[in-house]
Amino acid sequence: VSNKYGVPIHIQLAIIKHESGFNWLAKPKRQKLFKIVPYKRPSSSFGYSQAVKGTWKQYKMETNNSFAVRSRFKDSVDFIGWYVNKSFQLLKIPKNDAYRNYIAYHEGWKNYKSYKNNPKVIILAKRVKETANTYKKQLIQCQKQLDKKEGSDN
């Protein structure tokens, strides 16, 4: 999937980690009426990627992937790759910039430029960047171990 859109795997995984905790059925918590009665959810986000319905619909149309499902890991990773690629096209955010890509992902393309009005997103984006760096190191280490096993005569 990384090669399809040129988005590093560690960035895609870090976004999923912070959006859904790798929970395929993740949804935002319901709001409460009078602090006790469950009410509606604050957004339509769902699945690994926490994609909202409108953006998911756009993704399916633009990629001709009409059978994509938000609760399928493969589709969610592809969606994030598509989204980051569009962020590069629309906002000129480098695909390897976890911090800025998460801000665009969280705030949306239209609200990206006013993200400084939301201090919460800055904190979240820093966490995503840290997680992406951790995953990058782990992936490099895994690749080294796999390369060693490939070279052995076992």
Protein backbone atom coordinates (compact mmCIF):
# COMPACT_ATOMS: atom_id res chain seq x y z
CA VAL A 1 0.00 0.00 0.00
CA SER A 2 2.90 2.35 0.71
CA ASN A 3 4.02 2.16 -2.91
CA LYS A 4 0.56 2.89 -4.34
CA TYR A 5 0.44 6.45 -2.99
CA GLY A 6 4.03 6.86 -1.82
CA VAL A 7 2.96 7.25 1.81
CA PRO A 8 5.25 5.60 4.38
CA ILE A 9 3.66 2.66 6.20
CA HIS A 10 4.74 3.96 9.61
CA ILE A 11 2.71 7.14 9.09
CA GLN A 12 -0.39 5.20 8.01
CA LEU A 13 -0.13 2.93 11.06
CA ALA A 14 0.42 5.85 13.44
CA ILE A 15 -2.74 7.54 12.17
CA ILE A 16 -4.74 4.33 12.67
CA LYS A 17 -3.26 3.88 16.15
CA HIS A 18 -4.37 7.34 17.25
CA GLU A 19 -7.69 7.38 15.41
CA SER A 20 -9.07 3.98 16.43
CA GLY A 21 -6.47 2.12 18.49
CA PHE A 22 -6.66 -0.55 15.74
CA ASN A 23 -10.31 -1.19 16.62
CA TRP A 24 -12.20 -2.09 13.45
CA LEU A 25 -15.54 -1.05 15.00
CA ALA A 26 -14.38 2.21 16.58
CA LYS A 27 -16.91 5.05 16.74
CA PRO A 28 -16.90 8.35 18.62
CA LYS A 29 -18.52 8.19 22.04
CA ARG A 30 -22.13 9.25 22.18
CA GLN A 31 -22.97 12.65 23.57
CA LYS A 32 -25.13 12.64 26.71
CA LEU A 33 -28.32 14.48 27.47
CA PHE A 34 -28.53 15.67 31.07
CA LYS A 35 -25.16 13.91 31.60
CA ILE A 36 -26.80 10.45 31.60
CA VAL A 37 -29.03 9.78 28.57
CA PRO A 38 -27.07 8.47 25.54
CA TYR A 39 -27.60 10.78 22.57
CA LYS A 40 -26.16 11.08 19.05
CA ARG A 41 -22.51 10.74 18.11
CA PRO A 42 -20.53 13.93 17.36
CA SER A 43 -19.50 12.67 13.89
CA SER A 44 -20.03 9.83 11.42
CA SER A 45 -16.44 8.59 11.76
CA PHE A 46 -16.10 4.82 11.92
CA GLY A 47 -13.63 1.95 11.66
CA TYR A 48 -9.85 1.77 11.70
CA SER A 49 -9.37 5.07 9.90
CA GLN A 50 -12.26 6.92 11.58
CA ALA A 51 -13.20 8.20 8.12
CA VAL A 52 -16.38 10.25 8.01
CA LYS A 53 -19.12 9.25 5.57
CA GLY A 54 -18.64 12.14 3.13
CA THR A 55 -14.88 11.73 2.75
CA TRP A 56 -15.24 7.94 2.54
CA LYS A 57 -17.78 8.38 -0.27
CA GLN A 58 -15.36 10.71 -2.09
CA TYR A 59 -12.55 8.15 -1.66
CA LYS A 60 -14.70 5.35 -3.08
CA MET A 61 -15.70 7.46 -6.09
CA GLU A 62 -12.20 8.74 -6.86
CA THR A 63 -10.57 5.32 -6.51
CA ASN A 64 -13.34 3.30 -8.17
CA ASN A 65 -13.32 1.16 -5.04
CA SER A 66 -17.07 0.92 -4.57
CA PHE A 67 -16.79 -2.18 -2.35
CA ALA A 68 -14.44 -0.52 0.19
CA VAL A 69 -15.59 -0.84 3.80
CA ARG A 70 -14.44 1.38 6.69
CA SER A 71 -14.13 -1.63 9.02
CA ARG A 72 -11.69 -3.48 6.70
CA PHE A 73 -8.03 -2.85 7.55
CA LYS A 74 -6.85 -3.04 3.93
CA ASP A 75 -9.40 -0.44 2.84
CA SER A 76 -8.63 1.83 5.79
CA VAL A 77 -4.90 1.80 5.05
CA ASP A 78 -5.62 2.52 1.39
CA PHE A 79 -7.94 5.37 2.42
CA ILE A 80 -5.21 6.94 4.57
CA GLY A 81 -2.71 6.63 1.72
CA TRP A 82 -5.22 8.28 -0.63
CA TYR A 83 -5.95 11.02 1.93
CA VAL A 84 -2.28 11.83 2.55
CA ASN A 85 -1.64 11.83 -1.20
CA LYS A 86 -4.49 14.33 -1.68
CA SER A 87 -3.09 16.44 1.18
CA PHE A 88 0.17 16.56 -0.76
CA GLN A 89 -1.67 17.62 -3.94
CA LEU A 90 -3.95 20.17 -2.26
CA LEU A 91 -1.81 21.52 0.59
CA LYS A 92 1.74 20.58 -0.51
CA ILE A 93 2.33 18.63 2.73
CA PRO A 94 5.22 16.19 2.23
CA LYS A 95 4.00 12.60 2.46
CA ASN A 96 6.61 11.77 5.10
CA ASP A 97 5.53 14.59 7.46
CA ALA A 98 3.47 12.76 10.09
CA TYR A 99 2.79 15.91 12.12
CA ARG A 100 1.30 18.05 9.36
CA ASN A 101 -0.46 15.14 7.66
CA TYR A 102 -2.23 14.25 10.89
CA ILE A 103 -3.38 17.85 11.31
CA ALA A 104 -4.82 17.78 7.78
CA TYR A 105 -6.37 14.38 8.49
CA HIS A 106 -7.94 15.45 11.77
CA GLU A 107 -9.07 18.92 10.73
CA GLY A 108 -9.87 18.26 7.08
CA TRP A 109 -8.42 19.97 4.03
CA LYS A 110 -10.61 23.06 4.34
CA ASN A 111 -9.82 23.63 8.02
CA TYR A 112 -6.11 22.77 7.82
CA LYS A 113 -4.92 26.37 7.62
CA SER A 114 -6.75 27.35 10.83
CA TYR A 115 -5.49 24.43 12.94
CA LYS A 116 -3.65 26.81 15.30
CA ASN A 117 -7.06 27.72 16.69
CA ASN A 118 -7.30 24.16 18.02
CA PRO A 119 -4.52 23.48 20.57
CA LYS A 120 -5.85 19.92 21.06
CA VAL A 121 -4.94 18.96 17.49
CA ILE A 122 -1.36 20.18 17.97
CA ILE A 123 -0.95 17.87 20.97
CA LEU A 124 -2.48 14.97 19.04
CA ALA A 125 -0.27 15.63 16.00
CA LYS A 126 2.86 15.58 18.19
CA ARG A 127 1.78 12.19 19.57
CA VAL A 128 1.17 10.83 16.07
CA LYS A 129 4.62 12.04 15.01
CA GLU A 130 6.21 10.28 18.02
CA THR A 131 4.30 7.07 17.29
CA ALA A 132 5.27 7.24 13.60
CA ASN A 133 8.94 7.60 14.59
CA THR A 134 8.64 4.58 16.90
CA TYR A 135 6.97 2.50 14.20
CA LYS A 136 9.60 3.56 11.67
CA LYS A 137 12.40 2.32 13.96
CA GLN A 138 10.52 -0.92 14.61
CA LEU A 139 9.93 -1.53 10.91
CA ILE A 140 13.63 -0.96 10.18
CA GLN A 141 14.55 -3.42 12.94
CA CYS A 142 12.05 -5.99 11.66
CA GLN A 143 13.43 -5.66 8.15
CA LYS A 144 16.97 -6.23 9.45
CA GLN A 145 15.82 -9.40 11.24
CA LEU A 146 13.97 -10.63 8.17
CA ASP A 147 17.02 -9.97 6.01
CA LYS A 148 19.17 -12.01 8.42
CA LYS A 149 16.73 -14.94 8.30
CA GLU A 150 16.58 -14.79 4.52
CA GLY A 151 20.37 -15.01 4.32
CA SER A 152 20.64 -18.00 6.68
CA ASP A 153 20.61 -21.61 5.43
CA ASN A 154 17.85 -22.78 7.81
